[in-house]
Amino acid sequence: MTLLVNYAVYRKLFVKDEDPKLYQQIWALQNNCPVLVLYNNLKLNPGDFLGTVCPLTAKKKPTLSPSDVDVFLQ
């Protein structure tokens, strides 16, 4: 979670040009950890966070991997 928040702040405050390589490396986090349990039943999907808070301005929207994270919540 700390990585995602720091990256979001970094993008919003300091970066005018996007770095797709860095974004791709952070995006790969969702393959290893599709759901972050923050506290008790408070959960976060890294792919949704990146797509909502600091998306790239690419023409196509990246897809979540895995697409259904509800499997991991059971």
PDB file of N, CA and C in Angstrom:
ATOM      1  N   MET A   1       0.817  -1.189   0.000  1.00  0.00           N
ATOM      2  CA  MET A   1       0.000   0.000   0.000  1.00  0.00           C
ATOM      3  C   MET A   1       0.865   1.258   0.000  1.00  0.00           C
ATOM      4  N   THR A   2       1.947   1.211   0.743  1.00  0.00           N
ATOM      5  CA  THR A   2       2.848   2.363   0.800  1.00  0.00           C
ATOM      6  C   THR A   2       3.409   2.685  -0.576  1.00  0.00           C
ATOM      7  N   LEU A   3       3.775   1.651  -1.324  1.00  0.00           N
ATOM      8  CA  LEU A   3       4.294   1.853  -2.677  1.00  0.00           C
ATOM      9  C   LEU A   3       3.259   2.543  -3.561  1.00  0.00           C
ATOM     10  N   LEU A   4       2.013   2.097  -3.501  1.00  0.00           N
ATOM     11  CA  LEU A   4       0.963   2.675  -4.337  1.00  0.00           C
ATOM     12  C   LEU A   4       0.692   4.134  -3.984  1.00  0.00           C
ATOM     13  N   VAL A   5       0.636   4.428  -2.711  1.00  0.00           N
ATOM     14  CA  VAL A   5       0.371   5.805  -2.283  1.00  0.00           C
ATOM     15  C   VAL A   5       1.541   6.715  -2.657  1.00  0.00           C
ATOM     16  N   ASN A   6       2.760   6.262  -2.422  1.00  0.00           N
ATOM     17  CA  ASN A   6       3.923   7.079  -2.784  1.00  0.00           C
ATOM     18  C   ASN A   6       3.997   7.312  -4.288  1.00  0.00           C
ATOM     19  N   TYR A   7       3.677   6.290  -5.081  1.00  0.00           N
ATOM     20  CA  TYR A   7       3.688   6.460  -6.530  1.00  0.00           C
ATOM     21  C   TYR A   7       2.612   7.452  -6.978  1.00  0.00           C
ATOM     22  N   ALA A   8       1.433   7.370  -6.371  1.00  0.00           N
ATOM     23  CA  ALA A   8       0.352   8.288  -6.730  1.00  0.00           C
ATOM     24  C   ALA A   8       0.733   9.733  -6.407  1.00  0.00           C
ATOM     25  N   VAL A   9       1.312   9.954  -5.243  1.00  0.00           N
ATOM     26  CA  VAL A   9       1.745  11.313  -4.859  1.00  0.00           C
ATOM     27  C   VAL A   9       2.856  11.788  -5.780  1.00  0.00           C
ATOM     28  N   TYR A  10       3.808  10.925  -6.079  1.00  0.00           N
ATOM     29  CA  TYR A  10       4.902  11.251  -6.991  1.00  0.00           C
ATOM     30  C   TYR A  10       4.371  11.669  -8.353  1.00  0.00           C
ATOM     31  N   ARG A  11       3.405  10.906  -8.895  1.00  0.00           N
ATOM     32  CA  ARG A  11       2.829  11.236 -10.199  1.00  0.00           C
ATOM     33  C   ARG A  11       2.090  12.558 -10.179  1.00  0.00           C
ATOM     34  N   LYS A  12       1.315  12.800  -9.122  1.00  0.00           N
ATOM     35  CA  LYS A  12       0.484  14.008  -9.070  1.00  0.00           C
ATOM     36  C   LYS A  12       1.318  15.269  -8.849  1.00  0.00           C
ATOM     37  N   LEU A  13       2.392  15.171  -8.064  1.00  0.00           N
ATOM     38  CA  LEU A  13       3.146  16.364  -7.699  1.00  0.00           C
ATOM     39  C   LEU A  13       4.337  16.651  -8.595  1.00  0.00           C
ATOM     40  N   PHE A  14       5.072  15.631  -8.993  1.00  0.00           N
ATOM     41  CA  PHE A  14       6.368  15.870  -9.596  1.00  0.00           C
ATOM     42  C   PHE A  14       6.498  15.516 -11.069  1.00  0.00           C
ATOM     43  N   VAL A  15       5.697  14.635 -11.563  1.00  0.00           N
ATOM     44  CA  VAL A  15       5.911  14.114 -12.917  1.00  0.00           C
ATOM     45  C   VAL A  15       4.949  14.757 -13.898  1.00  0.00           C
ATOM     46  N   LYS A  16       5.514  15.357 -14.903  1.00  0.00           N
ATOM     47  CA  LYS A  16       4.691  15.899 -15.990  1.00  0.00           C
ATOM     48  C   LYS A  16       4.584  14.883 -17.123  1.00  0.00           C
ATOM     49  N   ASP A  17       5.683  14.173 -17.399  1.00  0.00           N
ATOM     50  CA  ASP A  17       5.694  13.127 -18.426  1.00  0.00           C
ATOM     51  C   ASP A  17       5.578  11.773 -17.739  1.00  0.00           C
ATOM     52  N   GLU A  18       4.778  10.910 -18.313  1.00  0.00           N
ATOM     53  CA  GLU A  18       4.583   9.580 -17.735  1.00  0.00           C
ATOM     54  C   GLU A  18       5.772   8.686 -18.048  1.00  0.00           C
ATOM     55  N   ASP A  19       6.049   7.775 -17.159  1.00  0.00           N
ATOM     56  CA  ASP A  19       7.086   6.774 -17.365  1.00  0.00           C
ATOM     57  C   ASP A  19       6.415   5.410 -17.459  1.00  0.00           C
ATOM     58  N   PRO A  20       6.106   4.955 -18.671  1.00  0.00           N
ATOM     59  CA  PRO A  20       5.365   3.695 -18.807  1.00  0.00           C
ATOM     60  C   PRO A  20       6.111   2.486 -18.263  1.00  0.00           C
ATOM     61  N   LYS A  21       7.439   2.512 -18.273  1.00  0.00           N
ATOM     62  CA  LYS A  21       8.193   1.369 -17.748  1.00  0.00           C
ATOM     63  C   LYS A  21       7.997   1.233 -16.242  1.00  0.00           C
ATOM     64  N   LEU A  22       8.068   2.332 -15.516  1.00  0.00           N
ATOM     65  CA  LEU A  22       7.849   2.297 -14.073  1.00  0.00           C
ATOM     66  C   LEU A  22       6.409   1.901 -13.765  1.00  0.00           C
ATOM     67  N   TYR A  23       5.470   2.465 -14.503  1.00  0.00           N
ATOM     68  CA  TYR A  23       4.059   2.116 -14.317  1.00  0.00           C
ATOM     69  C   TYR A  23       3.842   0.629 -14.567  1.00  0.00           C
ATOM     70  N   GLN A  24       4.479   0.088 -15.588  1.00  0.00           N
ATOM     71  CA  GLN A  24       4.329  -1.334 -15.917  1.00  0.00           C
ATOM     72  C   GLN A  24       4.877  -2.211 -14.807  1.00  0.00           C
ATOM     73  N   GLN A  25       5.986  -1.804 -14.200  1.00  0.00           N
ATOM     74  CA  GLN A  25       6.563  -2.581 -13.104  1.00  0.00           C
ATOM     75  C   GLN A  25       5.647  -2.565 -11.887  1.00  0.00           C
ATOM     76  N   ILE A  26       5.056  -1.432 -11.586  1.00  0.00           N
ATOM     77  CA  ILE A  26       4.133  -1.363 -10.462  1.00  0.00           C
ATOM     78  C   ILE A  26       2.840  -2.088 -10.809  1.00  0.00           C
ATOM     79  N   TRP A  27       2.419  -2.015 -12.060  1.00  0.00           N
ATOM     80  CA  TRP A  27       1.211  -2.712 -12.504  1.00  0.00           C
ATOM     81  C   TRP A  27       1.385  -4.227 -12.342  1.00  0.00           C
ATOM     82  N   ALA A  28       2.604  -4.730 -12.508  1.00  0.00           N
ATOM     83  CA  ALA A  28       2.874  -6.161 -12.371  1.00  0.00           C
ATOM     84  C   ALA A  28       2.648  -6.647 -10.941  1.00  0.00           C
ATOM     85  N   LEU A  29       2.553  -5.746  -9.996  1.00  0.00           N
ATOM     86  CA  LEU A  29       2.283  -6.107  -8.608  1.00  0.00           C
ATOM     87  C   LEU A  29       0.983  -6.879  -8.476  1.00  0.00           C
ATOM     88  N   GLN A  30      -0.004  -6.559  -9.286  1.00  0.00           N
ATOM     89  CA  GLN A  30      -1.304  -7.224  -9.167  1.00  0.00           C
ATOM     90  C   GLN A  30      -1.243  -8.700  -9.556  1.00  0.00           C
ATOM     91  N   ASN A  31      -0.236  -9.105 -10.314  1.00  0.00           N
ATOM     92  CA  ASN A  31      -0.087 -10.532 -10.624  1.00  0.00           C
ATOM     93  C   ASN A  31       0.334 -11.319  -9.384  1.00  0.00           C
ATOM     94  N   ASN A  32       1.186 -10.715  -8.569  1.00  0.00           N
ATOM     95  CA  ASN A  32       1.666 -11.382  -7.365  1.00  0.00           C
ATOM     96  C   ASN A  32       0.712 -11.210  -6.192  1.00  0.00           C
ATOM     97  N   CYS A  33       0.071 -10.066  -6.134  1.00  0.00           N
ATOM     98  CA  CYS A  33      -0.790  -9.760  -4.993  1.00  0.00           C
ATOM     99  C   CYS A  33      -2.036  -9.028  -5.497  1.00  0.00           C
ATOM    100  N   PRO A  34      -3.055  -9.760  -5.937  1.00  0.00           N
ATOM    101  CA  PRO A  34      -4.234  -9.113  -6.526  1.00  0.00           C
ATOM    102  C   PRO A  34      -5.098  -8.371  -5.523  1.00  0.00           C
ATOM    103  N   VAL A  35      -4.993  -8.699  -4.240  1.00  0.00           N
ATOM    104  CA  VAL A  35      -5.797  -8.035  -3.224  1.00  0.00           C
ATOM    105  C   VAL A  35      -4.918  -7.743  -2.017  1.00  0.00           C
ATOM    106  N   LEU A  36      -4.952  -6.500  -1.553  1.00  0.00           N
ATOM    107  CA  LEU A  36      -4.248  -6.129  -0.330  1.00  0.00           C
ATOM    108  C   LEU A  36      -5.271  -6.012   0.793  1.00  0.00           C
ATOM    109  N   VAL A  37      -5.066  -6.752   1.853  1.00  0.00           N
ATOM    110  CA  VAL A  37      -5.944  -6.645   3.016  1.00  0.00           C
ATOM    111  C   VAL A  37      -5.344  -5.575   3.914  1.00  0.00           C
ATOM    112  N   LEU A  38      -6.047  -4.456   4.035  1.00  0.00           N
ATOM    113  CA  LEU A  38      -5.540  -3.339   4.818  1.00  0.00           C
ATOM    114  C   LEU A  38      -5.853  -3.500   6.298  1.00  0.00           C
ATOM    115  N   TYR A  39      -7.073  -3.854   6.594  1.00  0.00           N
ATOM    116  CA  TYR A  39      -7.479  -4.047   7.982  1.00  0.00           C
ATOM    117  C   TYR A  39      -8.775  -4.832   8.000  1.00  0.00           C
ATOM    118  N   ASN A  40      -8.781  -5.939   8.709  1.00  0.00           N
ATOM    119  CA  ASN A  40      -9.969  -6.766   8.887  1.00  0.00           C
ATOM    120  C   ASN A  40     -10.635  -7.045   7.535  1.00  0.00           C
ATOM    121  N   ASN A  41     -11.731  -6.392   7.208  1.00  0.00           N
ATOM    122  CA  ASN A  41     -12.397  -6.637   5.930  1.00  0.00           C
ATOM    123  C   ASN A  41     -12.244  -5.467   4.956  1.00  0.00           C
ATOM    124  N   LEU A  42     -11.280  -4.608   5.183  1.00  0.00           N
ATOM    125  CA  LEU A  42     -10.992  -3.491   4.276  1.00  0.00           C
ATOM    126  C   LEU A  42      -9.921  -3.950   3.293  1.00  0.00           C
ATOM    127  N   LYS A  43     -10.303  -4.059   2.022  1.00  0.00           N
ATOM    128  CA  LYS A  43      -9.421  -4.614   0.996  1.00  0.00           C
ATOM    129  C   LYS A  43      -9.225  -3.621  -0.146  1.00  0.00           C
ATOM    130  N   LEU A  44      -8.091  -3.758  -0.832  1.00  0.00           N
ATOM    131  CA  LEU A  44      -7.756  -2.872  -1.940  1.00  0.00           C
ATOM    132  C   LEU A  44      -7.205  -3.696  -3.089  1.00  0.00           C
ATOM    133  N   ASN A  45      -7.653  -3.391  -4.291  1.00  0.00           N
ATOM    134  CA  ASN A  45      -7.124  -4.012  -5.492  1.00  0.00           C
ATOM    135  C   ASN A  45      -6.125  -3.031  -6.112  1.00  0.00           C
ATOM    136  N   PRO A  46      -4.823  -3.396  -6.205  1.00  0.00           N
ATOM    137  CA  PRO A  46      -3.823  -2.476  -6.763  1.00  0.00           C
ATOM    138  C   PRO A  46      -4.140  -2.019  -8.187  1.00  0.00           C
ATOM    139  N   GLY A  47      -4.691  -2.901  -9.007  1.00  0.00           N
ATOM    140  CA  GLY A  47      -5.030  -2.523 -10.384  1.00  0.00           C
ATOM    141  C   GLY A  47      -6.115  -1.463 -10.442  1.00  0.00           C
ATOM    142  N   ASP A  48      -7.142  -1.615  -9.611  1.00  0.00           N
ATOM    143  CA  ASP A  48      -8.198  -0.600  -9.554  1.00  0.00           C
ATOM    144  C   ASP A  48      -7.645   0.727  -9.045  1.00  0.00           C
ATOM    145  N   PHE A  49      -6.778   0.665  -8.045  1.00  0.00           N
ATOM    146  CA  PHE A  49      -6.180   1.882  -7.495  1.00  0.00           C
ATOM    147  C   PHE A  49      -5.389   2.626  -8.553  1.00  0.00           C
ATOM    148  N   LEU A  50      -4.523   1.918  -9.274  1.00  0.00           N
ATOM    149  CA  LEU A  50      -3.716   2.569 -10.307  1.00  0.00           C
ATOM    150  C   LEU A  50      -4.581   3.093 -11.449  1.00  0.00           C
ATOM    151  N   GLY A  51      -5.590   2.349 -11.830  1.00  0.00           N
ATOM    152  CA  GLY A  51      -6.463   2.775 -12.926  1.00  0.00           C
ATOM    153  C   GLY A  51      -7.331   3.959 -12.574  1.00  0.00           C
ATOM    154  N   THR A  52      -7.661   4.111 -11.303  1.00  0.00           N
ATOM    155  CA  THR A  52      -8.533   5.197 -10.871  1.00  0.00           C
ATOM    156  C   THR A  52      -7.761   6.443 -10.457  1.00  0.00           C
ATOM    157  N   VAL A  53      -6.736   6.267  -9.654  1.00  0.00           N
ATOM    158  CA  VAL A  53      -6.024   7.403  -9.066  1.00  0.00           C
ATOM    159  C   VAL A  53      -4.990   7.995 -10.015  1.00  0.00           C
ATOM    160  N   CYS A  54      -4.211   7.153 -10.663  1.00  0.00           N
ATOM    161  CA  CYS A  54      -3.156   7.687 -11.541  1.00  0.00           C
ATOM    162  C   CYS A  54      -3.042   6.878 -12.829  1.00  0.00           C
ATOM    163  N   PRO A  55      -4.052   6.949 -13.679  1.00  0.00           N
ATOM    164  CA  PRO A  55      -3.996   6.187 -14.937  1.00  0.00           C
ATOM    165  C   PRO A  55      -3.044   6.819 -15.947  1.00  0.00           C
ATOM    166  N   LEU A  56      -2.534   5.998 -16.841  1.00  0.00           N
ATOM    167  CA  LEU A  56      -1.758   6.513 -17.958  1.00  0.00           C
ATOM    168  C   LEU A  56      -2.721   7.084 -18.984  1.00  0.00           C
ATOM    169  N   THR A  57      -2.236   7.980 -19.811  1.00  0.00           N
ATOM    170  CA  THR A  57      -3.087   8.574 -20.835  1.00  0.00           C
ATOM    171  C   THR A  57      -2.984   7.805 -22.145  1.00  0.00           C
ATOM    172  N   ALA A  58      -2.767   6.515 -22.052  1.00  0.00           N
ATOM    173  CA  ALA A  58      -2.682   5.666 -23.249  1.00  0.00           C
ATOM    174  C   ALA A  58      -4.057   5.534 -23.889  1.00  0.00           C
ATOM    175  N   LYS A  59      -4.060   5.110 -25.131  1.00  0.00           N
ATOM    176  CA  LYS A  59      -5.318   4.980 -25.853  1.00  0.00           C
ATOM    177  C   LYS A  59      -6.163   3.833 -25.325  1.00  0.00           C
ATOM    178  N   LYS A  60      -5.522   2.715 -24.990  1.00  0.00           N
ATOM    179  CA  LYS A  60      -6.300   1.595 -24.486  1.00  0.00           C
ATOM    180  C   LYS A  60      -6.097   1.457 -22.976  1.00  0.00           C
ATOM    181  N   LYS A  61      -7.151   1.067 -22.319  1.00  0.00           N
ATOM    182  CA  LYS A  61      -7.108   0.909 -20.877  1.00  0.00           C
ATOM    183  C   LYS A  61      -6.506  -0.450 -20.537  1.00  0.00           C
ATOM    184  N   PRO A  62      -5.575  -0.510 -19.589  1.00  0.00           N
ATOM    185  CA  PRO A  62      -5.005  -1.806 -19.225  1.00  0.00           C
ATOM    186  C   PRO A  62      -6.039  -2.695 -18.548  1.00  0.00           C
ATOM    187  N   THR A  63      -5.869  -3.980 -18.708  1.00  0.00           N
ATOM    188  CA  THR A  63      -6.817  -4.919 -18.115  1.00  0.00           C
ATOM    189  C   THR A  63      -6.250  -5.487 -16.825  1.00  0.00           C
ATOM    190  N   LEU A  64      -7.150  -5.780 -15.909  1.00  0.00           N
ATOM    191  CA  LEU A  64      -6.745  -6.358 -14.643  1.00  0.00           C
ATOM    192  C   LEU A  64      -6.348  -7.810 -14.836  1.00  0.00           C
ATOM    193  N   SER A  65      -5.368  -8.230 -14.059  1.00  0.00           N
ATOM    194  CA  SER A  65      -4.931  -9.617 -14.113  1.00  0.00           C
ATOM    195  C   SER A  65      -4.749 -10.111 -12.690  1.00  0.00           C
ATOM    196  N   PRO A  66      -5.515 -10.986 -12.224  1.00  0.00           N
ATOM    197  CA  PRO A  66      -6.668 -11.668 -12.784  1.00  0.00           C
ATOM    198  C   PRO A  66      -7.872 -10.745 -12.838  1.00  0.00           C
ATOM    199  N   SER A  67      -8.765 -11.029 -13.740  1.00  0.00           N
ATOM    200  CA  SER A  67      -9.906 -10.130 -13.942  1.00  0.00           C
ATOM    201  C   SER A  67     -10.925 -10.218 -12.815  1.00  0.00           C
ATOM    202  N   ASP A  68     -11.030 -11.370 -12.160  1.00  0.00           N
ATOM    203  CA  ASP A  68     -11.987 -11.535 -11.076  1.00  0.00           C
ATOM    204  C   ASP A  68     -11.229 -11.765  -9.772  1.00  0.00           C
ATOM    205  N   VAL A  69     -11.135 -10.740  -8.942  1.00  0.00           N
ATOM    206  CA  VAL A  69     -10.397 -10.868  -7.680  1.00  0.00           C
ATOM    207  C   VAL A  69     -11.273 -11.425  -6.558  1.00  0.00           C
ATOM    208  N   ASP A  70     -12.560 -11.599  -6.813  1.00  0.00           N
ATOM    209  CA  ASP A  70     -13.439 -12.154  -5.775  1.00  0.00           C
ATOM    210  C   ASP A  70     -13.042 -13.577  -5.399  1.00  0.00           C
ATOM    211  N   VAL A  71     -12.351 -14.267  -6.294  1.00  0.00           N
ATOM    212  CA  VAL A  71     -11.881 -15.625  -6.004  1.00  0.00           C
ATOM    213  C   VAL A  71     -10.911 -15.608  -4.829  1.00  0.00           C
ATOM    214  N   PHE A  72     -10.105 -14.561  -4.724  1.00  0.00           N
ATOM    215  CA  PHE A  72      -9.105 -14.473  -3.674  1.00  0.00           C
ATOM    216  C   PHE A  72      -9.679 -14.032  -2.339  1.00  0.00           C
ATOM    217  N   LEU A  73     -10.878 -13.520  -2.354  1.00  0.00           N
ATOM    218  CA  LEU A  73     -11.497 -13.015  -1.129  1.00  0.00           C
ATOM    219  C   LEU A  73     -12.204 -14.100  -0.333  1.00  0.00           C
ATOM    220  N   GLN A  74     -12.358 -15.268  -0.895  1.00  0.00           N
ATOM    221  CA  GLN A  74     -13.081 -16.337  -0.200  1.00  0.00           C
ATOM    222  C   GLN A  74     -12.160 -17.228   0.576  1.00  0.00           C
TER     223      GLN A  74
END
